[in-house]
Amino acid sequence: MEVVVEGPEIMLVEKIKRIREKDEEAVRVVEEMKKVRVKILRSNEWKIERELMLKEEKIYIPKDKELRLEVI
């Protein structure tokens, strides 16, 4: 699966990345990935693709109520 982001979604992706920096689970996973220098972690459970985090092949949306409502 390849993530393609175009048009107005670019602003939403930027917001996801900003909020992700404050999400404890995302920060922990990214730190773990950096530590072992990989872009895929735990047998494909977590992946970084085009600056987006994927969990189980789905874009990970940080635990932020407003952001999640905006995505929906």
PDB file of N, CA and C in Angstrom:
ATOM      1  N   MET A   1       0.848  -1.174   0.000  1.00  0.00           N
ATOM      2  CA  MET A   1       0.000   0.000   0.000  1.00  0.00           C
ATOM      3  C   MET A   1       0.888   1.230   0.000  1.00  0.00           C
ATOM      4  N   GLU A   2       0.565   2.201  -0.839  1.00  0.00           N
ATOM      5  CA  GLU A   2       1.325   3.432  -0.868  1.00  0.00           C
ATOM      6  C   GLU A   2       0.391   4.589  -0.526  1.00  0.00           C
ATOM      7  N   VAL A   3       0.837   5.442   0.383  1.00  0.00           N
ATOM      8  CA  VAL A   3       0.041   6.588   0.804  1.00  0.00           C
ATOM      9  C   VAL A   3       0.311   7.740  -0.153  1.00  0.00           C
ATOM     10  N   VAL A   4      -0.741   8.280  -0.753  1.00  0.00           N
ATOM     11  CA  VAL A   4      -0.613   9.426  -1.649  1.00  0.00           C
ATOM     12  C   VAL A   4      -1.439  10.564  -1.070  1.00  0.00           C
ATOM     13  N   VAL A   5      -0.795  11.711  -0.879  1.00  0.00           N
ATOM     14  CA  VAL A   5      -1.479  12.863  -0.305  1.00  0.00           C
ATOM     15  C   VAL A   5      -1.399  14.001  -1.298  1.00  0.00           C
ATOM     16  N   GLU A   6      -2.566  14.559  -1.653  1.00  0.00           N
ATOM     17  CA  GLU A   6      -2.627  15.648  -2.623  1.00  0.00           C
ATOM     18  C   GLU A   6      -3.649  16.681  -2.182  1.00  0.00           C
ATOM     19  N   GLY A   7      -3.584  17.838  -2.786  1.00  0.00           N
ATOM     20  CA  GLY A   7      -4.578  18.882  -2.593  1.00  0.00           C
ATOM     21  C   GLY A   7      -4.769  19.321  -1.157  1.00  0.00           C
ATOM     22  N   PRO A   8      -6.036  19.525  -0.750  1.00  0.00           N
ATOM     23  CA  PRO A   8      -6.323  20.060   0.584  1.00  0.00           C
ATOM     24  C   PRO A   8      -5.903  19.137   1.727  1.00  0.00           C
ATOM     25  N   GLU A   9      -5.698  17.857   1.417  1.00  0.00           N
ATOM     26  CA  GLU A   9      -5.284  16.918   2.460  1.00  0.00           C
ATOM     27  C   GLU A   9      -3.888  17.229   2.992  1.00  0.00           C
ATOM     28  N   ILE A  10      -3.090  17.968   2.228  1.00  0.00           N
ATOM     29  CA  ILE A  10      -1.731  18.304   2.660  1.00  0.00           C
ATOM     30  C   ILE A  10      -1.755  19.047   3.993  1.00  0.00           C
ATOM     31  N   MET A  11      -2.681  19.984   4.158  1.00  0.00           N
ATOM     32  CA  MET A  11      -2.782  20.738   5.411  1.00  0.00           C
ATOM     33  C   MET A  11      -3.165  19.814   6.569  1.00  0.00           C
ATOM     34  N   LEU A  12      -4.051  18.869   6.302  1.00  0.00           N
ATOM     35  CA  LEU A  12      -4.464  17.921   7.335  1.00  0.00           C
ATOM     36  C   LEU A  12      -3.284  17.033   7.748  1.00  0.00           C
ATOM     37  N   VAL A  13      -2.496  16.591   6.782  1.00  0.00           N
ATOM     38  CA  VAL A  13      -1.320  15.772   7.080  1.00  0.00           C
ATOM     39  C   VAL A  13      -0.335  16.561   7.942  1.00  0.00           C
ATOM     40  N   GLU A  14      -0.134  17.818   7.642  1.00  0.00           N
ATOM     41  CA  GLU A  14       0.763  18.656   8.445  1.00  0.00           C
ATOM     42  C   GLU A  14       0.258  18.754   9.886  1.00  0.00           C
ATOM     43  N   LYS A  15      -1.046  18.889  10.039  1.00  0.00           N
ATOM     44  CA  LYS A  15      -1.647  18.959  11.374  1.00  0.00           C
ATOM     45  C   LYS A  15      -1.453  17.637  12.118  1.00  0.00           C
ATOM     46  N   ILE A  16      -1.635  16.525  11.422  1.00  0.00           N
ATOM     47  CA  ILE A  16      -1.436  15.206  12.027  1.00  0.00           C
ATOM     48  C   ILE A  16      -0.002  15.085  12.522  1.00  0.00           C
ATOM     49  N   LYS A  17       0.963  15.488  11.711  1.00  0.00           N
ATOM     50  CA  LYS A  17       2.371  15.386  12.103  1.00  0.00           C
ATOM     51  C   LYS A  17       2.678  16.265  13.309  1.00  0.00           C
ATOM     52  N   ARG A  18       2.103  17.482  13.354  1.00  0.00           N
ATOM     53  CA  ARG A  18       2.329  18.389  14.493  1.00  0.00           C
ATOM     54  C   ARG A  18       1.780  17.805  15.784  1.00  0.00           C
ATOM     55  N   ILE A  19       0.559  17.303  15.727  1.00  0.00           N
ATOM     56  CA  ILE A  19      -0.089  16.756  16.923  1.00  0.00           C
ATOM     57  C   ILE A  19       0.562  15.436  17.325  1.00  0.00           C
ATOM     58  N   ARG A  20       1.043  14.680  16.352  1.00  0.00           N
ATOM     59  CA  ARG A  20       1.707  13.400  16.642  1.00  0.00           C
ATOM     60  C   ARG A  20       2.900  13.592  17.577  1.00  0.00           C
ATOM     61  N   GLU A  21       3.574  14.729  17.476  1.00  0.00           N
ATOM     62  CA  GLU A  21       4.736  15.002  18.319  1.00  0.00           C
ATOM     63  C   GLU A  21       4.375  15.090  19.800  1.00  0.00           C
ATOM     64  N   LYS A  22       3.086  15.243  20.114  1.00  0.00           N
ATOM     65  CA  LYS A  22       2.619  15.333  21.502  1.00  0.00           C
ATOM     66  C   LYS A  22       1.919  14.051  21.958  1.00  0.00           C
ATOM     67  N   ASP A  23       1.738  13.106  21.053  1.00  0.00           N
ATOM     68  CA  ASP A  23       1.053  11.854  21.347  1.00  0.00           C
ATOM     69  C   ASP A  23       2.062  10.862  21.931  1.00  0.00           C
ATOM     70  N   GLU A  24       1.843  10.459  23.184  1.00  0.00           N
ATOM     71  CA  GLU A  24       2.811   9.611  23.894  1.00  0.00           C
ATOM     72  C   GLU A  24       3.117   8.308  23.158  1.00  0.00           C
ATOM     73  N   GLU A  25       2.092   7.634  22.666  1.00  0.00           N
ATOM     74  CA  GLU A  25       2.312   6.359  21.978  1.00  0.00           C
ATOM     75  C   GLU A  25       3.131   6.565  20.704  1.00  0.00           C
ATOM     76  N   ALA A  26       2.776   7.587  19.928  1.00  0.00           N
ATOM     77  CA  ALA A  26       3.502   7.863  18.685  1.00  0.00           C
ATOM     78  C   ALA A  26       4.953   8.232  18.966  1.00  0.00           C
ATOM     79  N   VAL A  27       5.187   9.052  19.957  1.00  0.00           N
ATOM     80  CA  VAL A  27       6.552   9.455  20.310  1.00  0.00           C
ATOM     81  C   VAL A  27       7.370   8.234  20.717  1.00  0.00           C
ATOM     82  N   ARG A  28       6.788   7.371  21.513  1.00  0.00           N
ATOM     83  CA  ARG A  28       7.486   6.160  21.969  1.00  0.00           C
ATOM     84  C   ARG A  28       7.854   5.263  20.787  1.00  0.00           C
ATOM     85  N   VAL A  29       6.924   5.070  19.863  1.00  0.00           N
ATOM     86  CA  VAL A  29       7.166   4.211  18.704  1.00  0.00           C
ATOM     87  C   VAL A  29       8.236   4.815  17.801  1.00  0.00           C
ATOM     88  N   VAL A  30       8.153   6.119  17.537  1.00  0.00           N
ATOM     89  CA  VAL A  30       9.147   6.769  16.683  1.00  0.00           C
ATOM     90  C   VAL A  30      10.533   6.684  17.317  1.00  0.00           C
ATOM     91  N   GLU A  31      10.621   6.901  18.609  1.00  0.00           N
ATOM     92  CA  GLU A  31      11.913   6.801  19.301  1.00  0.00           C
ATOM     93  C   GLU A  31      12.476   5.388  19.188  1.00  0.00           C
ATOM     94  N   GLU A  32      11.612   4.392  19.328  1.00  0.00           N
ATOM     95  CA  GLU A  32      12.044   3.004  19.209  1.00  0.00           C
ATOM     96  C   GLU A  32      12.548   2.717  17.794  1.00  0.00           C
ATOM     97  N   MET A  33      11.842   3.255  16.788  1.00  0.00           N
ATOM     98  CA  MET A  33      12.256   3.061  15.393  1.00  0.00           C
ATOM     99  C   MET A  33      13.609   3.725  15.133  1.00  0.00           C
ATOM    100  N   LYS A  34      13.783   4.928  15.649  1.00  0.00           N
ATOM    101  CA  LYS A  34      15.055   5.628  15.467  1.00  0.00           C
ATOM    102  C   LYS A  34      16.192   4.881  16.145  1.00  0.00           C
ATOM    103  N   LYS A  35      15.911   4.342  17.309  1.00  0.00           N
ATOM    104  CA  LYS A  35      16.928   3.625  18.083  1.00  0.00           C
ATOM    105  C   LYS A  35      17.482   2.433  17.302  1.00  0.00           C
ATOM    106  N   VAL A  36      16.599   1.697  16.631  1.00  0.00           N
ATOM    107  CA  VAL A  36      17.039   0.524  15.879  1.00  0.00           C
ATOM    108  C   VAL A  36      17.182   0.813  14.381  1.00  0.00           C
ATOM    109  N   ARG A  37      16.973   2.077  14.006  1.00  0.00           N
ATOM    110  CA  ARG A  37      17.162   2.553  12.623  1.00  0.00           C
ATOM    111  C   ARG A  37      16.352   1.758  11.604  1.00  0.00           C
ATOM    112  N   VAL A  38      15.041   1.705  11.831  1.00  0.00           N
ATOM    113  CA  VAL A  38      14.142   1.017  10.904  1.00  0.00           C
ATOM    114  C   VAL A  38      12.930   1.897  10.615  1.00  0.00           C
ATOM    115  N   LYS A  39      12.216   1.578   9.535  1.00  0.00           N
ATOM    116  CA  LYS A  39      10.968   2.270   9.212  1.00  0.00           C
ATOM    117  C   LYS A  39       9.771   1.340   9.368  1.00  0.00           C
ATOM    118  N   ILE A  40      10.046   0.093   9.768  1.00  0.00           N
ATOM    119  CA  ILE A  40       8.987  -0.879  10.036  1.00  0.00           C
ATOM    120  C   ILE A  40       9.306  -1.506  11.383  1.00  0.00           C
ATOM    121  N   LEU A  41       8.311  -1.619  12.251  1.00  0.00           N
ATOM    122  CA  LEU A  41       8.547  -2.112  13.602  1.00  0.00           C
ATOM    123  C   LEU A  41       7.496  -3.150  13.974  1.00  0.00           C
ATOM    124  N   ARG A  42       7.931  -4.135  14.707  1.00  0.00           N
ATOM    125  CA  ARG A  42       7.057  -5.196  15.224  1.00  0.00           C
ATOM    126  C   ARG A  42       6.287  -5.909  14.112  1.00  0.00           C
ATOM    127  N   SER A  43       7.024  -6.482  13.203  1.00  0.00           N
ATOM    128  CA  SER A  43       6.435  -7.288  12.122  1.00  0.00           C
ATOM    129  C   SER A  43       5.316  -6.560  11.384  1.00  0.00           C
ATOM    130  N   ASN A  44       5.586  -5.355  10.990  1.00  0.00           N
ATOM    131  CA  ASN A  44       4.654  -4.554  10.183  1.00  0.00           C
ATOM    132  C   ASN A  44       3.511  -3.920  10.972  1.00  0.00           C
ATOM    133  N   GLU A  45       3.510  -4.029  12.305  1.00  0.00           N
ATOM    134  CA  GLU A  45       2.444  -3.377  13.079  1.00  0.00           C
ATOM    135  C   GLU A  45       2.551  -1.861  12.901  1.00  0.00           C
ATOM    136  N   TRP A  46       3.772  -1.346  13.009  1.00  0.00           N
ATOM    137  CA  TRP A  46       4.023   0.086  12.854  1.00  0.00           C
ATOM    138  C   TRP A  46       4.930   0.318  11.653  1.00  0.00           C
ATOM    139  N   LYS A  47       4.644   1.380  10.908  1.00  0.00           N
ATOM    140  CA  LYS A  47       5.456   1.705   9.743  1.00  0.00           C
ATOM    141  C   LYS A  47       5.435   3.223   9.544  1.00  0.00           C
ATOM    142  N   ILE A  48       6.527   3.758   9.036  1.00  0.00           N
ATOM    143  CA  ILE A  48       6.551   5.165   8.639  1.00  0.00           C
ATOM    144  C   ILE A  48       6.668   5.193   7.132  1.00  0.00           C
ATOM    145  N   GLU A  49       5.721   5.877   6.500  1.00  0.00           N
ATOM    146  CA  GLU A  49       5.693   5.969   5.051  1.00  0.00           C
ATOM    147  C   GLU A  49       5.345   7.402   4.661  1.00  0.00           C
ATOM    148  N   ARG A  50       6.231   8.027   3.920  1.00  0.00           N
ATOM    149  CA  ARG A  50       6.040   9.422   3.485  1.00  0.00           C
ATOM    150  C   ARG A  50       5.684  10.330   4.653  1.00  0.00           C
ATOM    151  N   GLU A  51       6.410  10.190   5.749  1.00  0.00           N
ATOM    152  CA  GLU A  51       6.268  10.995   6.958  1.00  0.00           C
ATOM    153  C   GLU A  51       4.983  10.730   7.745  1.00  0.00           C
ATOM    154  N   LEU A  52       4.197   9.767   7.324  1.00  0.00           N
ATOM    155  CA  LEU A  52       2.998   9.392   8.071  1.00  0.00           C
ATOM    156  C   LEU A  52       3.265   8.097   8.812  1.00  0.00           C
ATOM    157  N   MET A  53       2.691   7.971  10.004  1.00  0.00           N
ATOM    158  CA  MET A  53       2.792   6.719  10.750  1.00  0.00           C
ATOM    159  C   MET A  53       1.599   5.853  10.375  1.00  0.00           C
ATOM    160  N   LEU A  54       1.869   4.600  10.110  1.00  0.00           N
ATOM    161  CA  LEU A  54       0.815   3.640   9.837  1.00  0.00           C
ATOM    162  C   LEU A  54       0.831   2.599  10.939  1.00  0.00           C
ATOM    163  N   LYS A  55      -0.337   2.257  11.421  1.00  0.00           N
ATOM    164  CA  LYS A  55      -0.479   1.183  12.399  1.00  0.00           C
ATOM    165  C   LYS A  55      -1.402   0.159  11.766  1.00  0.00           C
ATOM    166  N   GLU A  56      -0.878  -1.034  11.592  1.00  0.00           N
ATOM    167  CA  GLU A  56      -1.632  -2.115  10.965  1.00  0.00           C
ATOM    168  C   GLU A  56      -2.195  -1.676   9.614  1.00  0.00           C
ATOM    169  N   GLU A  57      -1.327  -1.032   8.808  1.00  0.00           N
ATOM    170  CA  GLU A  57      -1.627  -0.597   7.433  1.00  0.00           C
ATOM    171  C   GLU A  57      -2.632   0.560   7.326  1.00  0.00           C
ATOM    172  N   LYS A  58      -2.945   1.217   8.447  1.00  0.00           N
ATOM    173  CA  LYS A  58      -3.860   2.367   8.429  1.00  0.00           C
ATOM    174  C   LYS A  58      -3.120   3.581   8.978  1.00  0.00           C
ATOM    175  N   ILE A  59      -3.437   4.755   8.452  1.00  0.00           N
ATOM    176  CA  ILE A  59      -2.797   5.977   8.943  1.00  0.00           C
ATOM    177  C   ILE A  59      -3.162   6.160  10.408  1.00  0.00           C
ATOM    178  N   TYR A  60      -2.128   6.343  11.237  1.00  0.00           N
ATOM    179  CA  TYR A  60      -2.337   6.537  12.668  1.00  0.00           C
ATOM    180  C   TYR A  60      -2.702   7.995  12.925  1.00  0.00           C
ATOM    181  N   ILE A  61      -3.869   8.223  13.513  1.00  0.00           N
ATOM    182  CA  ILE A  61      -4.313   9.559  13.889  1.00  0.00           C
ATOM    183  C   ILE A  61      -4.118   9.684  15.397  1.00  0.00           C
ATOM    184  N   PRO A  62      -3.295  10.651  15.822  1.00  0.00           N
ATOM    185  CA  PRO A  62      -3.034  10.819  17.262  1.00  0.00           C
ATOM    186  C   PRO A  62      -4.323  10.970  18.063  1.00  0.00           C
ATOM    187  N   LYS A  63      -4.222  10.669  19.344  1.00  0.00           N
ATOM    188  CA  LYS A  63      -5.380  10.733  20.241  1.00  0.00           C
ATOM    189  C   LYS A  63      -5.692  12.184  20.594  1.00  0.00           C
ATOM    190  N   ASP A  64      -6.272  12.876  19.641  1.00  0.00           N
ATOM    191  CA  ASP A  64      -6.672  14.262  19.797  1.00  0.00           C
ATOM    192  C   ASP A  64      -8.102  14.364  19.264  1.00  0.00           C
ATOM    193  N   LYS A  65      -9.044  14.649  20.155  1.00  0.00           N
ATOM    194  CA  LYS A  65     -10.467  14.610  19.796  1.00  0.00           C
ATOM    195  C   LYS A  65     -10.799  15.514  18.599  1.00  0.00           C
ATOM    196  N   GLU A  66     -10.320  16.745  18.614  1.00  0.00           N
ATOM    197  CA  GLU A  66     -10.625  17.677  17.523  1.00  0.00           C
ATOM    198  C   GLU A  66     -10.065  17.184  16.192  1.00  0.00           C
ATOM    199  N   LEU A  67      -8.824  16.699  16.218  1.00  0.00           N
ATOM    200  CA  LEU A  67      -8.212  16.197  14.995  1.00  0.00           C
ATOM    201  C   LEU A  67      -8.969  15.001  14.456  1.00  0.00           C
ATOM    202  N   ARG A  68      -9.323  14.066  15.328  1.00  0.00           N
ATOM    203  CA  ARG A  68     -10.050  12.885  14.878  1.00  0.00           C
ATOM    204  C   ARG A  68     -11.410  13.254  14.272  1.00  0.00           C
ATOM    205  N   LEU A  69     -12.089  14.236  14.855  1.00  0.00           N
ATOM    206  CA  LEU A  69     -13.364  14.701  14.284  1.00  0.00           C
ATOM    207  C   LEU A  69     -13.142  15.339  12.918  1.00  0.00           C
ATOM    208  N   GLU A  70     -12.073  16.103  12.775  1.00  0.00           N
ATOM    209  CA  GLU A  70     -11.760  16.742  11.499  1.00  0.00           C
ATOM    210  C   GLU A  70     -11.476  15.686  10.420  1.00  0.00           C
ATOM    211  N   VAL A  71     -10.772  14.648  10.783  1.00  0.00           N
ATOM    212  CA  VAL A  71     -10.463  13.588   9.826  1.00  0.00           C
ATOM    213  C   VAL A  71     -11.735  12.890   9.376  1.00  0.00           C
ATOM    214  N   ILE A  72     -12.629  12.637  10.321  1.00  0.00           N
ATOM    215  CA  ILE A  72     -13.893  11.963   9.979  1.00  0.00           C
ATOM    216  C   ILE A  72     -14.724  12.867   9.087  1.00  0.00           C
TER     217      ILE A  72
END
